[in-house]
Structure formats: structure tokens, C-alpha cells
Amino acid sequence: MKHCLIHLIKIYGVINGTSPNPVRLAEMCNHLGNAMGRPSWLPVPELALKAVLGEGASVVLDGQRVLPARALELGFTFRYLYVKDALRAILLGN
């Protein structure tokens, strides 16, 4: 996405660099564990996250449904539409 946007100089505004199919942290951990052939991570206690991240813990605990609406409007195509496919490619070095 970065390479694509650098070469399109007449774009204004915010471009969210997110997947068109967002997932929650628990699902991300499950996909990562599956891709690595290992058990997924244990959840971090809410109290520990709040102690470390303060108000920022709400991003991890509650999530944010951010979509790449502007990137899609501009015609950007994603190599990997789903996190499991992207993780598999990263771990295989593709």
C-alpha cells in the first residue's frame, strides 16, 4: 500500500492501512498460532493491560473497527484479503 500511495501524488486525506477484513485480537492470535503450528497465546489479564497501557488499553480490549474505505475507493487491491493468508505468507517468506 505504501508503494502504491507514494506514486499517487494527488491523494489527500487519511488512508487507513488496514485489511478489508478486520479481526479481533483473539482471532488474530488463533490464526497466528495455527500458521506457526503452535497453540495461540494466552489472553493477557485486563488489569495488566490497563496497568501497562493506561487508557490505550481500550484499543486492545475493545478493538477498533477500522476499514480501508478510502484505499478501496482509490482502487487499491489487497494481496491478502484475510489475516490467515497474510500470516502464512509472512511465515513462509513469500
PDB file of N, CA and C in Angstrom:
ATOM      1  N   MET A   1       0.839  -1.184   0.000  1.00  0.00           N
ATOM      2  CA  MET A   1       0.000   0.000   0.000  1.00  0.00           C
ATOM      3  C   MET A   1       0.883   1.245   0.000  1.00  0.00           C
ATOM      4  N   LYS A   2       1.946   1.236   0.803  1.00  0.00           N
ATOM      5  CA  LYS A   2       2.817   2.404   0.887  1.00  0.00           C
ATOM      6  C   LYS A   2       3.400   2.722  -0.485  1.00  0.00           C
ATOM      7  N   HIS A   3       3.891   1.727  -1.183  1.00  0.00           N
ATOM      8  CA  HIS A   3       4.473   1.932  -2.514  1.00  0.00           C
ATOM      9  C   HIS A   3       3.435   2.512  -3.468  1.00  0.00           C
ATOM     10  N   CYS A   4       2.238   1.984  -3.417  1.00  0.00           N
ATOM     11  CA  CYS A   4       1.152   2.461  -4.283  1.00  0.00           C
ATOM     12  C   CYS A   4       0.833   3.919  -3.992  1.00  0.00           C
ATOM     13  N   LEU A   5       0.733   4.288  -2.736  1.00  0.00           N
ATOM     14  CA  LEU A   5       0.345   5.644  -2.365  1.00  0.00           C
ATOM     15  C   LEU A   5       1.442   6.666  -2.638  1.00  0.00           C
ATOM     16  N   ILE A   6       2.691   6.253  -2.523  1.00  0.00           N
ATOM     17  CA  ILE A   6       3.793   7.176  -2.791  1.00  0.00           C
ATOM     18  C   ILE A   6       3.757   7.641  -4.240  1.00  0.00           C
ATOM     19  N   HIS A   7       3.357   6.757  -5.127  1.00  0.00           N
ATOM     20  CA  HIS A   7       3.358   7.082  -6.551  1.00  0.00           C
ATOM     21  C   HIS A   7       2.075   7.768  -7.024  1.00  0.00           C
ATOM     22  N   LEU A   8       1.100   7.867  -6.162  1.00  0.00           N
ATOM     23  CA  LEU A   8      -0.131   8.577  -6.486  1.00  0.00           C
ATOM     24  C   LEU A   8      -0.104   9.905  -5.733  1.00  0.00           C
ATOM     25  N   ILE A   9       0.413  10.951  -6.362  1.00  0.00           N
ATOM     26  CA  ILE A   9       0.694  12.192  -5.642  1.00  0.00           C
ATOM     27  C   ILE A   9      -0.518  13.088  -5.433  1.00  0.00           C
ATOM     28  N   LYS A  10      -1.635  12.791  -6.045  1.00  0.00           N
ATOM     29  CA  LYS A  10      -2.804  13.662  -5.906  1.00  0.00           C
ATOM     30  C   LYS A  10      -3.844  13.088  -4.947  1.00  0.00           C
ATOM     31  N   ILE A  11      -3.393  12.422  -3.928  1.00  0.00           N
ATOM     32  CA  ILE A  11      -4.297  11.860  -2.927  1.00  0.00           C
ATOM     33  C   ILE A  11      -4.233  12.737  -1.694  1.00  0.00           C
ATOM     34  N   TYR A  12      -5.403  13.093  -1.185  1.00  0.00           N
ATOM     35  CA  TYR A  12      -5.480  13.923   0.013  1.00  0.00           C
ATOM     36  C   TYR A  12      -6.296  13.203   1.074  1.00  0.00           C
ATOM     37  N   GLY A  13      -5.958  13.437   2.306  1.00  0.00           N
ATOM     38  CA  GLY A  13      -6.723  12.867   3.409  1.00  0.00           C
ATOM     39  C   GLY A  13      -6.091  11.619   3.974  1.00  0.00           C
ATOM     40  N   VAL A  14      -6.794  11.016   4.882  1.00  0.00           N
ATOM     41  CA  VAL A  14      -6.304   9.845   5.612  1.00  0.00           C
ATOM     42  C   VAL A  14      -6.548   8.580   4.803  1.00  0.00           C
ATOM     43  N   ILE A  15      -5.545   7.740   4.768  1.00  0.00           N
ATOM     44  CA  ILE A  15      -5.666   6.425   4.136  1.00  0.00           C
ATOM     45  C   ILE A  15      -5.368   5.398   5.228  1.00  0.00           C
ATOM     46  N   ASN A  16      -6.370   4.612   5.610  1.00  0.00           N
ATOM     47  CA  ASN A  16      -6.169   3.591   6.643  1.00  0.00           C
ATOM     48  C   ASN A  16      -5.473   2.383   6.031  1.00  0.00           C
ATOM     49  N   GLY A  17      -4.326   2.035   6.590  1.00  0.00           N
ATOM     50  CA  GLY A  17      -3.575   0.876   6.114  1.00  0.00           C
ATOM     51  C   GLY A  17      -3.990  -0.379   6.842  1.00  0.00           C
ATOM     52  N   THR A  18      -5.230  -0.754   6.675  1.00  0.00           N
ATOM     53  CA  THR A  18      -5.780  -1.914   7.371  1.00  0.00           C
ATOM     54  C   THR A  18      -6.312  -2.920   6.358  1.00  0.00           C
ATOM     55  N   SER A  19      -6.603  -4.095   6.831  1.00  0.00           N
ATOM     56  CA  SER A  19      -7.188  -5.125   5.989  1.00  0.00           C
ATOM     57  C   SER A  19      -8.661  -4.810   5.731  1.00  0.00           C
ATOM     58  N   PRO A  20      -9.186  -5.232   4.595  1.00  0.00           N
ATOM     59  CA  PRO A  20     -10.620  -5.054   4.370  1.00  0.00           C
ATOM     60  C   PRO A  20     -11.468  -6.018   5.211  1.00  0.00           C
ATOM     61  N   ASN A  21     -10.806  -6.948   5.888  1.00  0.00           N
ATOM     62  CA  ASN A  21     -11.497  -7.923   6.736  1.00  0.00           C
ATOM     63  C   ASN A  21     -10.859  -7.944   8.121  1.00  0.00           C
ATOM     64  N   PRO A  22     -11.178  -6.946   8.952  1.00  0.00           N
ATOM     65  CA  PRO A  22     -10.535  -6.862  10.272  1.00  0.00           C
ATOM     66  C   PRO A  22     -10.947  -8.018  11.173  1.00  0.00           C
ATOM     67  N   VAL A  23     -10.060  -8.333  12.129  1.00  0.00           N
ATOM     68  CA  VAL A  23     -10.337  -9.390  13.098  1.00  0.00           C
ATOM     69  C   VAL A  23     -10.043  -8.866  14.498  1.00  0.00           C
ATOM     70  N   ARG A  24     -10.625  -9.495  15.474  1.00  0.00           N
ATOM     71  CA  ARG A  24     -10.338  -9.164  16.874  1.00  0.00           C
ATOM     72  C   ARG A  24      -9.017  -9.811  17.270  1.00  0.00           C
ATOM     73  N   LEU A  25      -8.444  -9.336  18.357  1.00  0.00           N
ATOM     74  CA  LEU A  25      -7.151  -9.822  18.818  1.00  0.00           C
ATOM     75  C   LEU A  25      -7.160 -11.335  19.044  1.00  0.00           C
ATOM     76  N   ALA A  26      -8.211 -11.856  19.640  1.00  0.00           N
ATOM     77  CA  ALA A  26      -8.276 -13.297  19.913  1.00  0.00           C
ATOM     78  C   ALA A  26      -8.220 -14.094  18.621  1.00  0.00           C
ATOM     79  N   GLU A  27      -8.928 -13.622  17.594  1.00  0.00           N
ATOM     80  CA  GLU A  27      -8.908 -14.312  16.302  1.00  0.00           C
ATOM     81  C   GLU A  27      -7.533 -14.212  15.656  1.00  0.00           C
ATOM     82  N   MET A  28      -6.909 -13.046  15.779  1.00  0.00           N
ATOM     83  CA  MET A  28      -5.556 -12.857  15.249  1.00  0.00           C
ATOM     84  C   MET A  28      -4.584 -13.838  15.911  1.00  0.00           C
ATOM     85  N   CYS A  29      -4.681 -13.961  17.219  1.00  0.00           N
ATOM     86  CA  CYS A  29      -3.810 -14.892  17.947  1.00  0.00           C
ATOM     87  C   CYS A  29      -4.053 -16.334  17.515  1.00  0.00           C
ATOM     88  N   ASN A  30      -5.305 -16.704  17.310  1.00  0.00           N
ATOM     89  CA  ASN A  30      -5.621 -18.059  16.848  1.00  0.00           C
ATOM     90  C   ASN A  30      -5.023 -18.318  15.476  1.00  0.00           C
ATOM     91  N   HIS A  31      -5.166 -17.361  14.554  1.00  0.00           N
ATOM     92  CA  HIS A  31      -4.603 -17.523  13.210  1.00  0.00           C
ATOM     93  C   HIS A  31      -3.084 -17.589  13.261  1.00  0.00           C
ATOM     94  N   LEU A  32      -2.464 -16.769  14.106  1.00  0.00           N
ATOM     95  CA  LEU A  32      -1.014 -16.789  14.235  1.00  0.00           C
ATOM     96  C   LEU A  32      -0.543 -18.128  14.792  1.00  0.00           C
ATOM     97  N   GLY A  33      -1.225 -18.621  15.813  1.00  0.00           N
ATOM     98  CA  GLY A  33      -0.880 -19.937  16.364  1.00  0.00           C
ATOM     99  C   GLY A  33      -1.017 -21.036  15.329  1.00  0.00           C
ATOM    100  N   ASN A  34      -2.091 -20.999  14.553  1.00  0.00           N
ATOM    101  CA  ASN A  34      -2.291 -22.002  13.508  1.00  0.00           C
ATOM    102  C   ASN A  34      -1.207 -21.920  12.448  1.00  0.00           C
ATOM    103  N   ALA A  35      -0.871 -20.708  12.017  1.00  0.00           N
ATOM    104  CA  ALA A  35       0.148 -20.524  10.987  1.00  0.00           C
ATOM    105  C   ALA A  35       1.509 -21.010  11.460  1.00  0.00           C
ATOM    106  N   MET A  36       1.778 -20.855  12.762  1.00  0.00           N
ATOM    107  CA  MET A  36       3.065 -21.264  13.317  1.00  0.00           C
ATOM    108  C   MET A  36       3.052 -22.720  13.790  1.00  0.00           C
ATOM    109  N   GLY A  37       1.872 -23.348  13.751  1.00  0.00           N
ATOM    110  CA  GLY A  37       1.764 -24.722  14.218  1.00  0.00           C
ATOM    111  C   GLY A  37       1.939 -24.837  15.718  1.00  0.00           C
ATOM    112  N   ARG A  38       1.526 -23.786  16.426  1.00  0.00           N
ATOM    113  CA  ARG A  38       1.668 -23.740  17.887  1.00  0.00           C
ATOM    114  C   ARG A  38       0.355 -23.284  18.503  1.00  0.00           C
ATOM    115  N   PRO A  39       0.192 -23.529  19.793  1.00  0.00           N
ATOM    116  CA  PRO A  39      -1.016 -23.013  20.454  1.00  0.00           C
ATOM    117  C   PRO A  39      -1.035 -21.486  20.415  1.00  0.00           C
ATOM    118  N   SER A  40      -2.217 -20.946  20.377  1.00  0.00           N
ATOM    119  CA  SER A  40      -2.319 -19.483  20.371  1.00  0.00           C
ATOM    120  C   SER A  40      -1.966 -18.948  21.756  1.00  0.00           C
ATOM    121  N   TRP A  41      -1.654 -17.659  21.798  1.00  0.00           N
ATOM    122  CA  TRP A  41      -1.233 -17.026  23.041  1.00  0.00           C
ATOM    123  C   TRP A  41      -2.354 -17.040  24.071  1.00  0.00           C
ATOM    124  N   LEU A  42      -1.926 -17.058  25.304  1.00  0.00           N
ATOM    125  CA  LEU A  42      -2.898 -16.942  26.390  1.00  0.00           C
ATOM    126  C   LEU A  42      -3.339 -15.491  26.489  1.00  0.00           C
ATOM    127  N   PRO A  43      -4.578 -15.254  26.843  1.00  0.00           N
ATOM    128  CA  PRO A  43      -5.026 -13.866  26.971  1.00  0.00           C
ATOM    129  C   PRO A  43      -4.324 -13.158  28.129  1.00  0.00           C
ATOM    130  N   VAL A  44      -4.072 -11.883  27.920  1.00  0.00           N
ATOM    131  CA  VAL A  44      -3.455 -11.061  28.960  1.00  0.00           C
ATOM    132  C   VAL A  44      -4.575 -10.527  29.846  1.00  0.00           C
ATOM    133  N   PRO A  45      -4.427 -10.598  31.159  1.00  0.00           N
ATOM    134  CA  PRO A  45      -5.480 -10.087  32.044  1.00  0.00           C
ATOM    135  C   PRO A  45      -5.734  -8.596  31.805  1.00  0.00           C
ATOM    136  N   GLU A  46      -6.990  -8.219  31.856  1.00  0.00           N
ATOM    137  CA  GLU A  46      -7.393  -6.832  31.633  1.00  0.00           C
ATOM    138  C   GLU A  46      -6.661  -5.867  32.560  1.00  0.00           C
ATOM    139  N   LEU A  47      -6.538  -6.240  33.800  1.00  0.00           N
ATOM    140  CA  LEU A  47      -5.861  -5.385  34.778  1.00  0.00           C
ATOM    141  C   LEU A  47      -4.401  -5.115  34.372  1.00  0.00           C
ATOM    142  N   ALA A  48      -3.722  -6.132  33.876  1.00  0.00           N
ATOM    143  CA  ALA A  48      -2.325  -5.973  33.454  1.00  0.00           C
ATOM    144  C   ALA A  48      -2.229  -5.033  32.260  1.00  0.00           C
ATOM    145  N   LEU A  49      -3.137  -5.181  31.311  1.00  0.00           N
ATOM    146  CA  LEU A  49      -3.129  -4.291  30.139  1.00  0.00           C
ATOM    147  C   LEU A  49      -3.375  -2.846  30.551  1.00  0.00           C
ATOM    148  N   LYS A  50      -4.323  -2.640  31.449  1.00  0.00           N
ATOM    149  CA  LYS A  50      -4.617  -1.278  31.898  1.00  0.00           C
ATOM    150  C   LYS A  50      -3.443  -0.680  32.660  1.00  0.00           C
ATOM    151  N   ALA A  51      -2.732  -1.512  33.424  1.00  0.00           N
ATOM    152  CA  ALA A  51      -1.575  -1.020  34.174  1.00  0.00           C
ATOM    153  C   ALA A  51      -0.460  -0.592  33.220  1.00  0.00           C
ATOM    154  N   VAL A  52      -0.262  -1.327  32.156  1.00  0.00           N
ATOM    155  CA  VAL A  52       0.820  -1.042  31.215  1.00  0.00           C
ATOM    156  C   VAL A  52       0.427   0.026  30.201  1.00  0.00           C
ATOM    157  N   LEU A  53      -0.777  -0.064  29.661  1.00  0.00           N
ATOM    158  CA  LEU A  53      -1.190   0.810  28.565  1.00  0.00           C
ATOM    159  C   LEU A  53      -2.058   1.987  28.988  1.00  0.00           C
ATOM    160  N   GLY A  54      -2.542   1.979  30.229  1.00  0.00           N
ATOM    161  CA  GLY A  54      -3.412   3.060  30.673  1.00  0.00           C
ATOM    162  C   GLY A  54      -4.680   3.118  29.830  1.00  0.00           C
ATOM    163  N   GLU A  55      -5.052   4.317  29.389  1.00  0.00           N
ATOM    164  CA  GLU A  55      -6.265   4.490  28.579  1.00  0.00           C
ATOM    165  C   GLU A  55      -6.148   3.791  27.227  1.00  0.00           C
ATOM    166  N   GLY A  56      -4.913   3.601  26.766  1.00  0.00           N
ATOM    167  CA  GLY A  56      -4.693   2.923  25.482  1.00  0.00           C
ATOM    168  C   GLY A  56      -5.110   1.463  25.499  1.00  0.00           C
ATOM    169  N   ALA A  57      -5.322   0.902  26.670  1.00  0.00           N
ATOM    170  CA  ALA A  57      -5.748  -0.489  26.775  1.00  0.00           C
ATOM    171  C   ALA A  57      -7.099  -0.710  26.101  1.00  0.00           C
ATOM    172  N   SER A  58      -7.914   0.327  26.026  1.00  0.00           N
ATOM    173  CA  SER A  58      -9.237   0.162  25.401  1.00  0.00           C
ATOM    174  C   SER A  58      -9.118  -0.234  23.932  1.00  0.00           C
ATOM    175  N   VAL A  59      -8.057   0.180  23.265  1.00  0.00           N
ATOM    176  CA  VAL A  59      -7.856  -0.213  21.860  1.00  0.00           C
ATOM    177  C   VAL A  59      -7.677  -1.719  21.771  1.00  0.00           C
ATOM    178  N   VAL A  60      -6.918  -2.290  22.695  1.00  0.00           N
ATOM    179  CA  VAL A  60      -6.678  -3.726  22.697  1.00  0.00           C
ATOM    180  C   VAL A  60      -7.898  -4.474  23.227  1.00  0.00           C
ATOM    181  N   LEU A  61      -8.494  -3.980  24.293  1.00  0.00           N
ATOM    182  CA  LEU A  61      -9.605  -4.686  24.927  1.00  0.00           C
ATOM    183  C   LEU A  61     -10.906  -4.581  24.143  1.00  0.00           C
ATOM    184  N   ASP A  62     -11.191  -3.405  23.630  1.00  0.00           N
ATOM    185  CA  ASP A  62     -12.457  -3.183  22.934  1.00  0.00           C
ATOM    186  C   ASP A  62     -12.311  -3.272  21.426  1.00  0.00           C
ATOM    187  N   GLY A  63     -11.116  -2.976  20.923  1.00  0.00           N
ATOM    188  CA  GLY A  63     -10.863  -3.010  19.483  1.00  0.00           C
ATOM    189  C   GLY A  63     -11.360  -1.753  18.790  1.00  0.00           C
ATOM    190  N   GLN A  64     -10.990  -1.649  17.553  1.00  0.00           N
ATOM    191  CA  GLN A  64     -11.444  -0.560  16.700  1.00  0.00           C
ATOM    192  C   GLN A  64     -11.739  -1.159  15.339  1.00  0.00           C
ATOM    193  N   ARG A  65     -12.902  -0.931  14.832  1.00  0.00           N
ATOM    194  CA  ARG A  65     -13.249  -1.469  13.514  1.00  0.00           C
ATOM    195  C   ARG A  65     -12.874  -0.414  12.473  1.00  0.00           C
ATOM    196  N   VAL A  66     -11.631  -0.446  12.075  1.00  0.00           N
ATOM    197  CA  VAL A  66     -11.118   0.498  11.088  1.00  0.00           C
ATOM    198  C   VAL A  66     -11.067  -0.203   9.742  1.00  0.00           C
ATOM    199  N   LEU A  67     -11.674   0.388   8.754  1.00  0.00           N
ATOM    200  CA  LEU A  67     -11.699  -0.189   7.414  1.00  0.00           C
ATOM    201  C   LEU A  67     -10.946   0.711   6.438  1.00  0.00           C
ATOM    202  N   PRO A  68     -10.382   0.138   5.385  1.00  0.00           N
ATOM    203  CA  PRO A  68      -9.631   0.920   4.404  1.00  0.00           C
ATOM    204  C   PRO A  68     -10.537   1.506   3.317  1.00  0.00           C
ATOM    205  N   ALA A  69     -11.586   2.182   3.731  1.00  0.00           N
ATOM    206  CA  ALA A  69     -12.590   2.674   2.778  1.00  0.00           C
ATOM    207  C   ALA A  69     -11.970   3.533   1.677  1.00  0.00           C
ATOM    208  N   ARG A  70     -11.122   4.491   2.045  1.00  0.00           N
ATOM    209  CA  ARG A  70     -10.529   5.386   1.044  1.00  0.00           C
ATOM    210  C   ARG A  70      -9.606   4.623   0.099  1.00  0.00           C
ATOM    211  N   ALA A  71      -8.820   3.695   0.622  1.00  0.00           N
ATOM    212  CA  ALA A  71      -7.936   2.886  -0.231  1.00  0.00           C
ATOM    213  C   ALA A  71      -8.758   2.086  -1.238  1.00  0.00           C
ATOM    214  N   LEU A  72      -9.872   1.530  -0.797  1.00  0.00           N
ATOM    215  CA  LEU A  72     -10.738   0.783  -1.704  1.00  0.00           C
ATOM    216  C   LEU A  72     -11.368   1.704  -2.749  1.00  0.00           C
ATOM    217  N   GLU A  73     -11.776   2.911  -2.325  1.00  0.00           N
ATOM    218  CA  GLU A  73     -12.322   3.893  -3.272  1.00  0.00           C
ATOM    219  C   GLU A  73     -11.313   4.235  -4.357  1.00  0.00           C
ATOM    220  N   LEU A  74     -10.039   4.285  -3.983  1.00  0.00           N
ATOM    221  CA  LEU A  74      -8.973   4.626  -4.928  1.00  0.00           C
ATOM    222  C   LEU A  74      -8.578   3.446  -5.812  1.00  0.00           C
ATOM    223  N   GLY A  75      -9.171   2.289  -5.562  1.00  0.00           N
ATOM    224  CA  GLY A  75      -8.914   1.123  -6.393  1.00  0.00           C
ATOM    225  C   GLY A  75      -7.768   0.240  -5.930  1.00  0.00           C
ATOM    226  N   PHE A  76      -7.284   0.478  -4.717  1.00  0.00           N
ATOM    227  CA  PHE A  76      -6.203  -0.353  -4.209  1.00  0.00           C
ATOM    228  C   PHE A  76      -6.688  -1.779  -4.065  1.00  0.00           C
ATOM    229  N   THR A  77      -5.882  -2.729  -4.517  1.00  0.00           N
ATOM    230  CA  THR A  77      -6.221  -4.141  -4.348  1.00  0.00           C
ATOM    231  C   THR A  77      -5.257  -4.755  -3.340  1.00  0.00           C
ATOM    232  N   PHE A  78      -5.774  -5.600  -2.512  1.00  0.00           N
ATOM    233  CA  PHE A  78      -5.000  -6.217  -1.446  1.00  0.00           C
ATOM    234  C   PHE A  78      -4.473  -7.568  -1.897  1.00  0.00           C
ATOM    235  N   ARG A  79      -3.214  -7.812  -1.622  1.00  0.00           N
ATOM    236  CA  ARG A  79      -2.617  -9.113  -1.950  1.00  0.00           C
ATOM    237  C   ARG A  79      -3.242 -10.192  -1.075  1.00  0.00           C
ATOM    238  N   TYR A  80      -3.483  -9.855   0.184  1.00  0.00           N
ATOM    239  CA  TYR A  80      -4.071 -10.809   1.122  1.00  0.00           C
ATOM    240  C   TYR A  80      -5.315 -10.180   1.732  1.00  0.00           C
ATOM    241  N   LEU A  81      -6.445 -10.776   1.468  1.00  0.00           N
ATOM    242  CA  LEU A  81      -7.700 -10.248   1.993  1.00  0.00           C
ATOM    243  C   LEU A  81      -7.960 -10.686   3.426  1.00  0.00           C
ATOM    244  N   TYR A  82      -7.330 -11.763   3.826  1.00  0.00           N
ATOM    245  CA  TYR A  82      -7.586 -12.322   5.153  1.00  0.00           C
ATOM    246  C   TYR A  82      -6.279 -12.489   5.914  1.00  0.00           C
ATOM    247  N   VAL A  83      -6.325 -12.242   7.212  1.00  0.00           N
ATOM    248  CA  VAL A  83      -5.132 -12.271   8.053  1.00  0.00           C
ATOM    249  C   VAL A  83      -4.454 -13.636   8.027  1.00  0.00           C
ATOM    250  N   LYS A  84      -5.219 -14.705   7.962  1.00  0.00           N
ATOM    251  CA  LYS A  84      -4.599 -16.038   7.961  1.00  0.00           C
ATOM    252  C   LYS A  84      -3.719 -16.227   6.735  1.00  0.00           C
ATOM    253  N   ASP A  85      -4.129 -15.690   5.591  1.00  0.00           N
ATOM    254  CA  ASP A  85      -3.324 -15.807   4.377  1.00  0.00           C
ATOM    255  C   ASP A  85      -2.067 -14.944   4.451  1.00  0.00           C
ATOM    256  N   ALA A  86      -2.197 -13.747   5.015  1.00  0.00           N
ATOM    257  CA  ALA A  86      -1.038 -12.856   5.166  1.00  0.00           C
ATOM    258  C   ALA A  86      -0.029 -13.462   6.131  1.00  0.00           C
ATOM    259  N   LEU A  87      -0.484 -14.005   7.242  1.00  0.00           N
ATOM    260  CA  LEU A  87       0.421 -14.617   8.218  1.00  0.00           C
ATOM    261  C   LEU A  87       1.144 -15.808   7.624  1.00  0.00           C
ATOM    262  N   ARG A  88       0.420 -16.620   6.879  1.00  0.00           N
ATOM    263  CA  ARG A  88       1.029 -17.793   6.244  1.00  0.00           C
ATOM    264  C   ARG A  88       2.129 -17.342   5.276  1.00  0.00           C
ATOM    265  N   ALA A  89       1.848 -16.309   4.487  1.00  0.00           N
ATOM    266  CA  ALA A  89       2.840 -15.803   3.528  1.00  0.00           C
ATOM    267  C   ALA A  89       4.064 -15.223   4.245  1.00  0.00           C
ATOM    268  N   ILE A  90       3.829 -14.500   5.335  1.00  0.00           N
ATOM    269  CA  ILE A  90       4.949 -13.932   6.099  1.00  0.00           C
ATOM    270  C   ILE A  90       5.832 -15.046   6.661  1.00  0.00           C
ATOM    271  N   LEU A  91       5.217 -16.045   7.236  1.00  0.00           N
ATOM    272  CA  LEU A  91       5.980 -17.125   7.858  1.00  0.00           C
ATOM    273  C   LEU A  91       6.684 -18.019   6.841  1.00  0.00           C
ATOM    274  N   LEU A  92       6.156 -18.068   5.621  1.00  0.00           N
ATOM    275  CA  LEU A  92       6.799 -18.846   4.551  1.00  0.00           C
ATOM    276  C   LEU A  92       7.811 -18.023   3.780  1.00  0.00           C
ATOM    277  N   GLY A  93       7.860 -16.728   4.080  1.00  0.00           N
ATOM    278  CA  GLY A  93       8.820 -15.843   3.402  1.00  0.00           C
ATOM    279  C   GLY A  93       8.393 -15.425   2.019  1.00  0.00           C
ATOM    280  N   ASN A  94       7.095 -15.439   1.743  1.00  0.00           N
ATOM    281  CA  ASN A  94       6.590 -15.034   0.413  1.00  0.00           C
ATOM    282  C   ASN A  94       6.357 -13.549   0.336  1.00  0.00           C
TER     283      ASN A  94
END
